[in-house]
Amino acid sequence: MSGEGMLPVIVRDNNVEKALRTFKRMNQRSGLSKELRKRRAYMKPSEKRQKKAAEAKGRLQKNLRKRFLKEGY
């Protein structure tokens, strides 16, 4: 197993809480946890298409809401 997924975090002055926050931030930015969740179960191609379409629809609705609020409709 290669070290690609490793995110090294240094604990300074026994401040484990700060190191944990740093690790979580790095983990989120790298997208590692999202990838692991995605690979946890098999998703049929038709389900992938449906999910992708639903996400696109949600993004479109969010952008329309933002635009309407900005323009004052």
PDB file of N, CA and C in Angstrom:
ATOM      1  N   MET A   1       0.849  -1.175   0.000  1.00  0.00           N
ATOM      2  CA  MET A   1       0.000   0.000   0.000  1.00  0.00           C
ATOM      3  C   MET A   1       0.891   1.233   0.000  1.00  0.00           C
ATOM      4  N   SER A   2       0.646   2.157  -0.922  1.00  0.00           N
ATOM      5  CA  SER A   2       1.490   3.337  -1.043  1.00  0.00           C
ATOM      6  C   SER A   2       1.076   4.407  -0.039  1.00  0.00           C
ATOM      7  N   GLY A   3       1.897   5.421   0.106  1.00  0.00           N
ATOM      8  CA  GLY A   3       1.637   6.472   1.063  1.00  0.00           C
ATOM      9  C   GLY A   3       0.874   7.651   0.477  1.00  0.00           C
ATOM     10  N   GLU A   4       0.127   7.437  -0.595  1.00  0.00           N
ATOM     11  CA  GLU A   4      -0.600   8.531  -1.226  1.00  0.00           C
ATOM     12  C   GLU A   4      -1.652   9.118  -0.304  1.00  0.00           C
ATOM     13  N   GLY A   5      -2.341   8.289   0.457  1.00  0.00           N
ATOM     14  CA  GLY A   5      -3.436   8.754   1.286  1.00  0.00           C
ATOM     15  C   GLY A   5      -3.005   9.285   2.632  1.00  0.00           C
ATOM     16  N   MET A   6      -1.696   9.289   2.896  1.00  0.00           N
ATOM     17  CA  MET A   6      -1.239   9.725   4.204  1.00  0.00           C
ATOM     18  C   MET A   6      -1.197  11.248   4.291  1.00  0.00           C
ATOM     19  N   LEU A   7      -1.725  11.768   5.399  1.00  0.00           N
ATOM     20  CA  LEU A   7      -1.701  13.199   5.643  1.00  0.00           C
ATOM     21  C   LEU A   7      -0.945  13.424   6.950  1.00  0.00           C
ATOM     22  N   PRO A   8       0.342  13.748   6.887  1.00  0.00           N
ATOM     23  CA  PRO A   8       1.121  13.907   8.123  1.00  0.00           C
ATOM     24  C   PRO A   8       0.736  15.182   8.872  1.00  0.00           C
ATOM     25  N   VAL A   9       0.537  15.059  10.174  1.00  0.00           N
ATOM     26  CA  VAL A   9       0.219  16.196  11.028  1.00  0.00           C
ATOM     27  C   VAL A   9       1.155  16.143  12.225  1.00  0.00           C
ATOM     28  N   ILE A  10       1.762  17.264  12.555  1.00  0.00           N
ATOM     29  CA  ILE A  10       2.695  17.324  13.678  1.00  0.00           C
ATOM     30  C   ILE A  10       1.963  17.859  14.906  1.00  0.00           C
ATOM     31  N   VAL A  11       2.115  17.154  16.038  1.00  0.00           N
ATOM     32  CA  VAL A  11       1.527  17.595  17.297  1.00  0.00           C
ATOM     33  C   VAL A  11       2.583  18.392  18.042  1.00  0.00           C
ATOM     34  N   ARG A  12       2.266  19.653  18.305  1.00  0.00           N
ATOM     35  CA  ARG A  12       3.210  20.529  19.006  1.00  0.00           C
ATOM     36  C   ARG A  12       2.678  20.856  20.392  1.00  0.00           C
ATOM     37  N   ASP A  13       3.544  20.855  21.375  1.00  0.00           N
ATOM     38  CA  ASP A  13       3.207  21.222  22.759  1.00  0.00           C
ATOM     39  C   ASP A  13       2.028  20.402  23.301  1.00  0.00           C
ATOM     40  N   ASN A  14       1.953  19.142  22.911  1.00  0.00           N
ATOM     41  CA  ASN A  14       0.875  18.239  23.342  1.00  0.00           C
ATOM     42  C   ASN A  14      -0.515  18.795  23.045  1.00  0.00           C
ATOM     43  N   ASN A  15      -0.644  19.594  22.017  1.00  0.00           N
ATOM     44  CA  ASN A  15      -1.927  20.182  21.641  1.00  0.00           C
ATOM     45  C   ASN A  15      -2.592  19.284  20.589  1.00  0.00           C
ATOM     46  N   VAL A  16      -3.198  18.213  21.089  1.00  0.00           N
ATOM     47  CA  VAL A  16      -3.802  17.214  20.200  1.00  0.00           C
ATOM     48  C   VAL A  16      -5.046  17.778  19.520  1.00  0.00           C
ATOM     49  N   GLU A  17      -5.797  18.623  20.217  1.00  0.00           N
ATOM     50  CA  GLU A  17      -7.020  19.185  19.639  1.00  0.00           C
ATOM     51  C   GLU A  17      -6.716  20.001  18.383  1.00  0.00           C
ATOM     52  N   LYS A  18      -5.672  20.812  18.466  1.00  0.00           N
ATOM     53  CA  LYS A  18      -5.290  21.623  17.307  1.00  0.00           C
ATOM     54  C   LYS A  18      -4.798  20.734  16.163  1.00  0.00           C
ATOM     55  N   ALA A  19      -4.035  19.708  16.489  1.00  0.00           N
ATOM     56  CA  ALA A  19      -3.543  18.782  15.463  1.00  0.00           C
ATOM     57  C   ALA A  19      -4.712  18.054  14.800  1.00  0.00           C
ATOM     58  N   LEU A  20      -5.726  17.693  15.603  1.00  0.00           N
ATOM     59  CA  LEU A  20      -6.896  17.006  15.054  1.00  0.00           C
ATOM     60  C   LEU A  20      -7.676  17.931  14.117  1.00  0.00           C
ATOM     61  N   ARG A  21      -7.831  19.189  14.518  1.00  0.00           N
ATOM     62  CA  ARG A  21      -8.515  20.156  13.646  1.00  0.00           C
ATOM     63  C   ARG A  21      -7.759  20.322  12.333  1.00  0.00           C
ATOM     64  N   THR A  22      -6.433  20.398  12.438  1.00  0.00           N
ATOM     65  CA  THR A  22      -5.599  20.527  11.237  1.00  0.00           C
ATOM     66  C   THR A  22      -5.762  19.312  10.337  1.00  0.00           C
ATOM     67  N   PHE A  23      -5.751  18.126  10.950  1.00  0.00           N
ATOM     68  CA  PHE A  23      -5.914  16.895  10.174  1.00  0.00           C
ATOM     69  C   PHE A  23      -7.265  16.863   9.475  1.00  0.00           C
ATOM     70  N   LYS A  24      -8.317  17.218  10.188  1.00  0.00           N
ATOM     71  CA  LYS A  24      -9.653  17.199   9.593  1.00  0.00           C
ATOM     72  C   LYS A  24      -9.747  18.181   8.423  1.00  0.00           C
ATOM     73  N   ARG A  25      -9.150  19.357   8.582  1.00  0.00           N
ATOM     74  CA  ARG A  25      -9.159  20.352   7.510  1.00  0.00           C
ATOM     75  C   ARG A  25      -8.409  19.821   6.292  1.00  0.00           C
ATOM     76  N   MET A  26      -7.230  19.230   6.515  1.00  0.00           N
ATOM     77  CA  MET A  26      -6.445  18.679   5.409  1.00  0.00           C
ATOM     78  C   MET A  26      -7.196  17.542   4.726  1.00  0.00           C
ATOM     79  N   ASN A  27      -7.847  16.712   5.528  1.00  0.00           N
ATOM     80  CA  ASN A  27      -8.607  15.586   5.008  1.00  0.00           C
ATOM     81  C   ASN A  27      -9.755  16.085   4.139  1.00  0.00           C
ATOM     82  N   GLN A  28     -10.437  17.122   4.587  1.00  0.00           N
ATOM     83  CA  GLN A  28     -11.552  17.656   3.821  1.00  0.00           C
ATOM     84  C   GLN A  28     -11.073  18.253   2.503  1.00  0.00           C
ATOM     85  N   ARG A  29      -9.975  19.000   2.551  1.00  0.00           N
ATOM     86  CA  ARG A  29      -9.457  19.633   1.333  1.00  0.00           C
ATOM     87  C   ARG A  29      -8.975  18.607   0.317  1.00  0.00           C
ATOM     88  N   SER A  30      -8.413  17.511   0.795  1.00  0.00           N
ATOM     89  CA  SER A  30      -7.895  16.505  -0.126  1.00  0.00           C
ATOM     90  C   SER A  30      -9.013  15.685  -0.762  1.00  0.00           C
ATOM     91  N   GLY A  31     -10.196  15.659  -0.134  1.00  0.00           N
ATOM     92  CA  GLY A  31     -11.318  14.893  -0.666  1.00  0.00           C
ATOM     93  C   GLY A  31     -11.225  13.409  -0.371  1.00  0.00           C
ATOM     94  N   LEU A  32     -10.348  13.028   0.544  1.00  0.00           N
ATOM     95  CA  LEU A  32     -10.132  11.618   0.849  1.00  0.00           C
ATOM     96  C   LEU A  32     -11.364  10.975   1.462  1.00  0.00           C
ATOM     97  N   SER A  33     -11.987  11.628   2.434  1.00  0.00           N
ATOM     98  CA  SER A  33     -13.152  11.031   3.091  1.00  0.00           C
ATOM     99  C   SER A  33     -14.326  10.919   2.122  1.00  0.00           C
ATOM    100  N   LYS A  34     -14.473  11.903   1.236  1.00  0.00           N
ATOM    101  CA  LYS A  34     -15.551  11.842   0.247  1.00  0.00           C
ATOM    102  C   LYS A  34     -15.344  10.657  -0.695  1.00  0.00           C
ATOM    103  N   GLU A  35     -14.088  10.459  -1.089  1.00  0.00           N
ATOM    104  CA  GLU A  35     -13.757   9.341  -1.977  1.00  0.00           C
ATOM    105  C   GLU A  35     -14.025   8.006  -1.295  1.00  0.00           C
ATOM    106  N   LEU A  36     -13.671   7.898  -0.026  1.00  0.00           N
ATOM    107  CA  LEU A  36     -13.912   6.652   0.707  1.00  0.00           C
ATOM    108  C   LEU A  36     -15.399   6.361   0.822  1.00  0.00           C
ATOM    109  N   ARG A  37     -16.188   7.392   1.117  1.00  0.00           N
ATOM    110  CA  ARG A  37     -17.637   7.199   1.201  1.00  0.00           C
ATOM    111  C   ARG A  37     -18.202   6.761  -0.136  1.00  0.00           C
ATOM    112  N   LYS A  38     -17.675   7.342  -1.211  1.00  0.00           N
ATOM    113  CA  LYS A  38     -18.151   7.018  -2.557  1.00  0.00           C
ATOM    114  C   LYS A  38     -17.850   5.563  -2.910  1.00  0.00           C
ATOM    115  N   ARG A  39     -16.692   5.067  -2.469  1.00  0.00           N
ATOM    116  CA  ARG A  39     -16.283   3.708  -2.811  1.00  0.00           C
ATOM    117  C   ARG A  39     -16.850   2.639  -1.884  1.00  0.00           C
ATOM    118  N   ARG A  40     -17.525   3.062  -0.824  1.00  0.00           N
ATOM    119  CA  ARG A  40     -18.017   2.116   0.169  1.00  0.00           C
ATOM    120  C   ARG A  40     -19.007   1.112  -0.428  1.00  0.00           C
ATOM    121  N   ALA A  41     -19.886   1.577  -1.314  1.00  0.00           N
ATOM    122  CA  ALA A  41     -20.888   0.690  -1.896  1.00  0.00           C
ATOM    123  C   ALA A  41     -20.947   0.905  -3.401  1.00  0.00           C
ATOM    124  N   TYR A  42     -21.274  -0.142  -4.133  1.00  0.00           N
ATOM    125  CA  TYR A  42     -21.371  -0.050  -5.583  1.00  0.00           C
ATOM    126  C   TYR A  42     -22.630   0.715  -5.963  1.00  0.00           C
ATOM    127  N   MET A  43     -22.514   1.587  -6.935  1.00  0.00           N
ATOM    128  CA  MET A  43     -23.664   2.319  -7.433  1.00  0.00           C
ATOM    129  C   MET A  43     -23.804   2.034  -8.924  1.00  0.00           C
ATOM    130  N   LYS A  44     -24.999   1.601  -9.306  1.00  0.00           N
ATOM    131  CA  LYS A  44     -25.239   1.294 -10.705  1.00  0.00           C
ATOM    132  C   LYS A  44     -25.103   2.562 -11.549  1.00  0.00           C
ATOM    133  N   PRO A  45     -24.713   2.394 -12.816  1.00  0.00           N
ATOM    134  CA  PRO A  45     -24.567   3.566 -13.688  1.00  0.00           C
ATOM    135  C   PRO A  45     -25.840   4.407 -13.786  1.00  0.00           C
ATOM    136  N   SER A  46     -26.998   3.761 -13.792  1.00  0.00           N
ATOM    137  CA  SER A  46     -28.248   4.532 -13.862  1.00  0.00           C
ATOM    138  C   SER A  46     -28.446   5.363 -12.597  1.00  0.00           C
ATOM    139  N   GLU A  47     -28.061   4.811 -11.440  1.00  0.00           N
ATOM    140  CA  GLU A  47     -28.163   5.564 -10.185  1.00  0.00           C
ATOM    141  C   GLU A  47     -27.198   6.737 -10.190  1.00  0.00           C
ATOM    142  N   LYS A  48     -26.001   6.532 -10.754  1.00  0.00           N
ATOM    143  CA  LYS A  48     -25.025   7.617 -10.851  1.00  0.00           C
ATOM    144  C   LYS A  48     -25.582   8.766 -11.681  1.00  0.00           C
ATOM    145  N   ARG A  49     -26.214   8.420 -12.827  1.00  0.00           N
ATOM    146  CA  ARG A  49     -26.784   9.456 -13.692  1.00  0.00           C
ATOM    147  C   ARG A  49     -27.887  10.217 -12.964  1.00  0.00           C
ATOM    148  N   GLN A  50     -28.752   9.488 -12.244  1.00  0.00           N
ATOM    149  CA  GLN A  50     -29.843  10.133 -11.520  1.00  0.00           C
ATOM    150  C   GLN A  50     -29.297  11.065 -10.437  1.00  0.00           C
ATOM    151  N   LYS A  51     -28.292  10.601  -9.726  1.00  0.00           N
ATOM    152  CA  LYS A  51     -27.700  11.416  -8.660  1.00  0.00           C
ATOM    153  C   LYS A  51     -27.043  12.658  -9.237  1.00  0.00           C
ATOM    154  N   LYS A  52     -26.319  12.489 -10.338  1.00  0.00           N
ATOM    155  CA  LYS A  52     -25.642  13.610 -10.983  1.00  0.00           C
ATOM    156  C   LYS A  52     -26.667  14.643 -11.470  1.00  0.00           C
ATOM    157  N   ALA A  53     -27.779  14.170 -12.053  1.00  0.00           N
ATOM    158  CA  ALA A  53     -28.822  15.076 -12.535  1.00  0.00           C
ATOM    159  C   ALA A  53     -29.477  15.814 -11.372  1.00  0.00           C
ATOM    160  N   ALA A  54     -29.708  15.119 -10.265  1.00  0.00           N
ATOM    161  CA  ALA A  54     -30.320  15.752  -9.097  1.00  0.00           C
ATOM    162  C   ALA A  54     -29.398  16.813  -8.507  1.00  0.00           C
ATOM    163  N   GLU A  55     -28.103  16.535  -8.461  1.00  0.00           N
ATOM    164  CA  GLU A  55     -27.148  17.521  -7.948  1.00  0.00           C
ATOM    165  C   GLU A  55     -27.098  18.749  -8.856  1.00  0.00           C
ATOM    166  N   ALA A  56     -27.137  18.526 -10.169  1.00  0.00           N
ATOM    167  CA  ALA A  56     -27.116  19.641 -11.119  1.00  0.00           C
ATOM    168  C   ALA A  56     -28.378  20.487 -10.956  1.00  0.00           C
ATOM    169  N   LYS A  57     -29.513  19.837 -10.764  1.00  0.00           N
ATOM    170  CA  LYS A  57     -30.770  20.554 -10.579  1.00  0.00           C
ATOM    171  C   LYS A  57     -30.717  21.400  -9.303  1.00  0.00           C
ATOM    172  N   GLY A  58     -30.158  20.829  -8.252  1.00  0.00           N
ATOM    173  CA  GLY A  58     -30.026  21.566  -6.999  1.00  0.00           C
ATOM    174  C   GLY A  58     -29.127  22.783  -7.146  1.00  0.00           C
ATOM    175  N   ARG A  59     -28.011  22.622  -7.853  1.00  0.00           N
ATOM    176  CA  ARG A  59     -27.112  23.751  -8.093  1.00  0.00           C
ATOM    177  C   ARG A  59     -27.818  24.851  -8.884  1.00  0.00           C
ATOM    178  N   LEU A  60     -28.580  24.442  -9.909  1.00  0.00           N
ATOM    179  CA  LEU A  60     -29.298  25.414 -10.735  1.00  0.00           C
ATOM    180  C   LEU A  60     -30.312  26.185  -9.896  1.00  0.00           C
ATOM    181  N   GLN A  61     -31.075  25.480  -9.070  1.00  0.00           N
ATOM    182  CA  GLN A  61     -32.069  26.139  -8.235  1.00  0.00           C
ATOM    183  C   GLN A  61     -31.412  27.086  -7.236  1.00  0.00           C
ATOM    184  N   LYS A  62     -30.278  26.682  -6.682  1.00  0.00           N
ATOM    185  CA  LYS A  62     -29.553  27.536  -5.739  1.00  0.00           C
ATOM    186  C   LYS A  62     -29.084  28.809  -6.430  1.00  0.00           C
ATOM    187  N   ASN A  63     -28.520  28.661  -7.637  1.00  0.00           N
ATOM    188  CA  ASN A  63     -28.049  29.826  -8.384  1.00  0.00           C
ATOM    189  C   ASN A  63     -29.201  30.749  -8.765  1.00  0.00           C
ATOM    190  N   LEU A  64     -30.351  30.169  -9.130  1.00  0.00           N
ATOM    191  CA  LEU A  64     -31.515  30.996  -9.459  1.00  0.00           C
ATOM    192  C   LEU A  64     -32.007  31.754  -8.236  1.00  0.00           C
ATOM    193  N   ARG A  65     -32.053  31.079  -7.075  1.00  0.00           N
ATOM    194  CA  ARG A  65     -32.473  31.750  -5.839  1.00  0.00           C
ATOM    195  C   ARG A  65     -31.551  32.913  -5.519  1.00  0.00           C
ATOM    196  N   LYS A  66     -30.240  32.673  -5.631  1.00  0.00           N
ATOM    197  CA  LYS A  66     -29.270  33.726  -5.348  1.00  0.00           C
ATOM    198  C   LYS A  66     -29.450  34.900  -6.316  1.00  0.00           C
ATOM    199  N   ARG A  67     -29.677  34.588  -7.588  1.00  0.00           N
ATOM    200  CA  ARG A  67     -29.829  35.636  -8.591  1.00  0.00           C
ATOM    201  C   ARG A  67     -31.094  36.456  -8.348  1.00  0.00           C
ATOM    202  N   PHE A  68     -32.200  35.772  -8.005  1.00  0.00           N
ATOM    203  CA  PHE A  68     -33.451  36.474  -7.755  1.00  0.00           C
ATOM    204  C   PHE A  68     -33.344  37.367  -6.519  1.00  0.00           C
ATOM    205  N   LEU A  69     -32.652  36.883  -5.489  1.00  0.00           N
ATOM    206  CA  LEU A  69     -32.472  37.697  -4.290  1.00  0.00           C
ATOM    207  C   LEU A  69     -31.591  38.914  -4.585  1.00  0.00           C
ATOM    208  N   LYS A  70     -30.578  38.695  -5.408  1.00  0.00           N
ATOM    209  CA  LYS A  70     -29.650  39.780  -5.734  1.00  0.00           C
ATOM    210  C   LYS A  70     -30.325  40.846  -6.585  1.00  0.00           C
ATOM    211  N   GLU A  71     -31.145  40.413  -7.550  1.00  0.00           N
ATOM    212  CA  GLU A  71     -31.789  41.349  -8.477  1.00  0.00           C
ATOM    213  C   GLU A  71     -33.099  41.893  -7.928  1.00  0.00           C
ATOM    214  N   GLY A  72     -33.617  41.287  -6.868  1.00  0.00           N
ATOM    215  CA  GLY A  72     -34.826  41.808  -6.220  1.00  0.00           C
ATOM    216  C   GLY A  72     -36.133  41.415  -6.864  1.00  0.00           C
ATOM    217  N   TYR A  73     -36.246  40.239  -7.385  1.00  0.00           N
ATOM    218  CA  TYR A  73     -37.519  39.788  -7.982  1.00  0.00           C
ATOM    219  C   TYR A  73     -38.473  39.309  -6.924  1.00  0.00           C
TER     220      TYR A  73
END
